[in-house]
N, C-alpha and C. Protein backbone atom coordinates (compact mmCIF):
# COMPACT_ATOMS: atom_id res chain seq x y z
N UNK A 1 37.96 -5.63 -9.17
CA UNK A 1 36.85 -4.56 -9.78
C UNK A 1 36.34 -4.62 -10.86
N UNK A 2 35.30 -4.20 -11.31
CA UNK A 2 34.25 -4.67 -12.41
C UNK A 2 34.85 -3.83 -13.70
N UNK A 3 34.62 -3.92 -14.82
CA UNK A 3 34.97 -3.54 -16.06
C UNK A 3 33.89 -2.93 -16.78
N UNK A 4 33.90 -1.79 -17.29
CA UNK A 4 32.90 -1.31 -18.34
C UNK A 4 33.71 -0.47 -19.23
N UNK A 5 32.90 -0.30 -20.39
CA UNK A 5 33.37 0.16 -21.62
C UNK A 5 32.80 1.51 -21.95
N UNK A 6 33.43 2.59 -22.32
CA UNK A 6 33.09 3.86 -22.61
C UNK A 6 33.43 4.08 -24.23
N UNK A 7 32.48 4.80 -24.76
CA UNK A 7 32.84 4.73 -26.24
C UNK A 7 33.11 6.48 -26.17
N UNK A 8 33.83 6.84 -26.78
CA UNK A 8 34.44 8.35 -27.10
C UNK A 8 34.95 8.59 -28.42
N UNK A 9 34.33 9.89 -28.99
CA UNK A 9 34.96 9.98 -30.49
C UNK A 9 36.50 10.06 -30.49
N UNK A 10 37.14 10.13 -31.87
CA UNK A 10 38.39 9.90 -32.19
C UNK A 10 39.10 11.03 -31.71
N UNK A 11 38.37 12.32 -31.79
CA UNK A 11 39.10 13.45 -31.61
C UNK A 11 39.44 13.68 -29.97
N UNK A 12 38.31 13.19 -29.29
CA UNK A 12 38.55 13.21 -27.90
C UNK A 12 39.63 12.32 -27.04
N UNK A 13 39.78 10.99 -27.90
CA UNK A 13 40.76 10.21 -27.55
C UNK A 13 41.94 10.73 -28.09
N UNK A 14 42.10 11.48 -29.02
CA UNK A 14 43.54 11.96 -29.27
C UNK A 14 44.17 13.02 -28.25
N UNK A 15 43.10 14.02 -27.70
CA UNK A 15 43.34 14.94 -26.68
C UNK A 15 43.62 14.45 -25.66
N UNK A 16 42.77 13.10 -25.23
CA UNK A 16 43.39 12.44 -23.88
C UNK A 16 44.75 12.05 -24.00
N UNK A 17 45.18 11.32 -25.20
CA UNK A 17 46.55 10.88 -25.20
C UNK A 17 47.42 11.94 -25.12
N UNK A 18 47.31 13.30 -25.19
CA UNK A 18 48.15 14.15 -25.36
C UNK A 18 48.37 14.55 -23.67
N UNK A 19 47.71 13.87 -22.74
CA UNK A 19 47.78 14.16 -21.23
C UNK A 19 47.89 12.69 -20.80
N UNK A 20 49.04 12.16 -20.93
CA UNK A 20 49.37 10.78 -20.53
C UNK A 20 49.74 10.71 -19.31
N UNK A 21 49.89 11.80 -18.45
CA UNK A 21 50.28 11.46 -16.90
C UNK A 21 48.67 11.67 -16.39
N UNK A 22 47.96 11.58 -16.97
CA UNK A 22 46.49 11.63 -16.03
C UNK A 22 45.97 10.24 -16.25
N UNK A 23 45.49 9.80 -15.13
CA UNK A 23 44.90 8.67 -14.99
C UNK A 23 43.48 8.29 -15.37
N UNK A 24 43.08 8.26 -16.62
CA UNK A 24 41.73 8.60 -17.03
C UNK A 24 40.79 7.73 -16.53
N UNK A 25 41.18 6.41 -16.26
CA UNK A 25 40.14 5.56 -15.41
C UNK A 25 39.86 5.92 -13.93
N UNK A 26 40.98 6.64 -13.25
CA UNK A 26 40.29 7.44 -12.00
C UNK A 26 39.59 8.49 -12.28
N UNK A 27 39.79 9.32 -13.29
CA UNK A 27 39.02 10.43 -13.80
C UNK A 27 37.29 9.95 -13.90
N UNK A 28 37.27 9.11 -14.69
CA UNK A 28 35.97 8.22 -15.04
C UNK A 28 35.32 7.84 -13.71
N UNK A 29 36.17 6.91 -12.76
CA UNK A 29 35.71 6.71 -11.49
C UNK A 29 35.09 7.71 -10.50
N UNK A 30 36.03 8.70 -10.41
CA UNK A 30 35.55 10.09 -9.61
C UNK A 30 34.35 10.37 -10.22
N UNK A 31 34.06 10.62 -11.50
CA UNK A 31 32.98 11.31 -12.07
C UNK A 31 31.72 10.66 -11.67
N UNK A 32 31.85 9.10 -12.05
CA UNK A 32 30.69 8.42 -11.72
C UNK A 32 30.29 8.40 -10.22
N UNK A 33 31.22 8.52 -9.23
CA UNK A 33 31.01 8.58 -7.83
C UNK A 33 30.23 9.85 -7.79
N UNK A 34 30.68 10.87 -8.17
CA UNK A 34 30.02 12.37 -7.78
C UNK A 34 28.81 12.44 -8.25
N UNK A 35 28.61 12.09 -9.44
CA UNK A 35 27.07 11.67 -10.14
C UNK A 35 26.18 10.99 -9.20
N UNK A 36 26.63 9.87 -8.71
CA UNK A 36 25.99 9.01 -7.83
C UNK A 36 25.48 9.77 -6.69
N UNK A 37 26.51 10.50 -5.95
CA UNK A 37 26.25 11.17 -4.97
C UNK A 37 25.16 12.28 -5.07
N UNK A 38 25.30 12.87 -6.13
CA UNK A 38 24.54 14.16 -6.38
C UNK A 38 22.81 13.66 -6.69
N UNK A 39 22.95 12.30 -7.40
CA UNK A 39 21.51 11.69 -7.32
C UNK A 39 21.04 11.40 -6.17
N UNK A 40 21.87 10.90 -5.10
CA UNK A 40 21.24 10.50 -3.75
C UNK A 40 20.87 11.59 -2.93
N UNK A 41 21.53 12.71 -3.25
CA UNK A 41 21.15 14.09 -2.56
C UNK A 41 19.80 14.29 -3.12
N UNK A 42 19.77 14.41 -4.26
CA UNK A 42 18.39 14.75 -4.92
C UNK A 42 17.09 13.95 -4.62
N UNK A 43 17.51 12.63 -4.37
CA UNK A 43 16.30 11.80 -4.11
C UNK A 43 16.07 11.91 -2.43
N UNK A 44 17.25 12.42 -1.63
CA UNK A 44 16.87 12.67 -0.43
C UNK A 44 16.12 13.83 -0.05
N UNK A 45 16.31 14.89 -0.71
CA UNK A 45 15.56 15.95 -0.95
C UNK A 45 14.18 15.96 -1.34
N UNK A 46 13.86 14.92 -2.30
CA UNK A 46 12.70 14.81 -2.84
C UNK A 46 11.89 14.08 -1.76
N UNK A 47 12.58 13.08 -1.00
CA UNK A 47 11.83 12.34 0.22
C UNK A 47 11.61 13.30 1.32
N UNK A 48 12.38 14.32 1.42
CA UNK A 48 12.21 15.34 2.56
C UNK A 48 11.09 15.96 2.12
N UNK A 49 10.97 16.54 0.86
CA UNK A 49 9.80 17.46 0.53
C UNK A 49 8.47 16.68 0.49
N UNK A 50 8.31 15.20 0.19
CA UNK A 50 7.33 14.50 0.27
C UNK A 50 6.73 14.39 1.75
N UNK A 51 7.82 14.13 2.61
CA UNK A 51 7.62 14.02 4.22
C UNK A 51 6.74 15.11 4.51
N UNK A 52 7.14 16.37 4.11
CA UNK A 52 6.78 17.43 4.69
C UNK A 52 5.38 17.67 4.21
N UNK A 53 5.12 17.58 2.83
CA UNK A 53 3.67 17.89 2.33
C UNK A 53 2.76 16.87 3.24
N UNK A 54 3.28 15.57 3.48
CA UNK A 54 2.37 14.68 4.21
C UNK A 54 2.03 15.02 5.43
N UNK A 55 3.08 15.35 6.19
CA UNK A 55 2.97 15.91 7.63
C UNK A 55 2.12 17.04 7.71
N UNK A 56 2.23 17.99 6.83
CA UNK A 56 1.40 19.24 6.97
C UNK A 56 0.04 18.80 6.40
N UNK A 57 -0.36 17.79 6.03
CA UNK A 57 -1.69 17.71 5.75
C UNK A 57 -2.48 16.94 6.95
N UNK A 58 -1.87 16.51 7.77
CA UNK A 58 -2.51 15.73 8.92
C UNK A 58 -2.97 16.62 9.89
N UNK A 59 -4.10 16.52 10.51
CA UNK A 59 -4.68 17.46 11.25
C UNK A 59 -3.97 17.69 12.74
N UNK A 60 -3.71 18.53 13.43
CA UNK A 60 -2.68 18.65 14.56
C UNK A 60 -3.46 17.62 15.93
N UNK A 61 -4.87 17.62 15.61
CA UNK A 61 -5.49 16.75 16.99
C UNK A 61 -5.73 15.51 16.59
N UNK A 62 -5.12 14.79 15.35
CA UNK A 62 -5.48 13.64 15.09
C UNK A 62 -4.62 12.68 15.89
N UNK A 63 -5.53 11.53 16.32
CA UNK A 63 -5.14 10.57 17.02
C UNK A 63 -4.84 9.25 16.25
N UNK A 64 -3.40 8.87 15.72
CA UNK A 64 -3.50 7.71 15.18
C UNK A 64 -3.62 6.57 15.82
N UNK A 65 -3.52 6.51 17.03
CA UNK A 65 -3.67 5.17 17.57
C UNK A 65 -5.22 4.79 17.64
N UNK A 66 -5.84 5.46 17.72
CA UNK A 66 -7.59 5.04 17.38
C UNK A 66 -7.71 4.55 16.22
N UNK A 67 -7.10 5.02 15.24
CA UNK A 67 -7.67 4.53 13.71
C UNK A 67 -6.93 3.06 13.62
N UNK A 68 -5.57 2.71 14.46
CA UNK A 68 -4.89 1.61 14.18
C UNK A 68 -5.61 0.55 15.17
N UNK A 69 -6.22 1.14 16.09
CA UNK A 69 -6.95 0.07 16.96
C UNK A 69 -8.16 -0.17 16.22
N UNK A 70 -8.96 0.71 15.49
CA UNK A 70 -10.19 0.30 14.68
C UNK A 70 -9.83 -0.49 13.55
N UNK A 71 -8.75 -0.62 12.84
CA UNK A 71 -8.19 -1.39 11.84
C UNK A 71 -8.14 -2.78 12.79
N UNK A 72 -7.11 -2.70 13.33
CA UNK A 72 -6.75 -4.04 14.16
C UNK A 72 -8.18 -4.87 14.45
N UNK A 73 -9.11 -3.95 15.08
CA UNK A 73 -10.33 -4.83 15.52
C UNK A 73 -11.17 -5.16 14.53
N UNK A 74 -11.09 -4.31 13.21
CA UNK A 74 -12.22 -4.82 12.20
C UNK A 74 -11.66 -5.97 11.42
N UNK A 75 -10.16 -6.28 11.54
CA UNK A 75 -9.64 -7.37 10.73
C UNK A 75 -10.11 -8.83 11.49
N UNK A 76 -10.57 -8.79 12.48
CA UNK A 76 -11.03 -10.13 13.12
C UNK A 76 -12.37 -10.27 13.13
């Protein structure tokens, strides 16, 4: 496992010491994991919204194969 350091004020540290039965390292690990999962969900939601915006802008009768063929033919 990797090691990180976290700074907390003296008052909070004293409060934590009064709950010696709690594994504070595990509490921090779980909090970090939860935060990362929430951020991943936000990113996924943003990606879905962007995808919907792009999809809605495309005309329904648009044939992308014609564009791709023209692009490829113009390269040579």
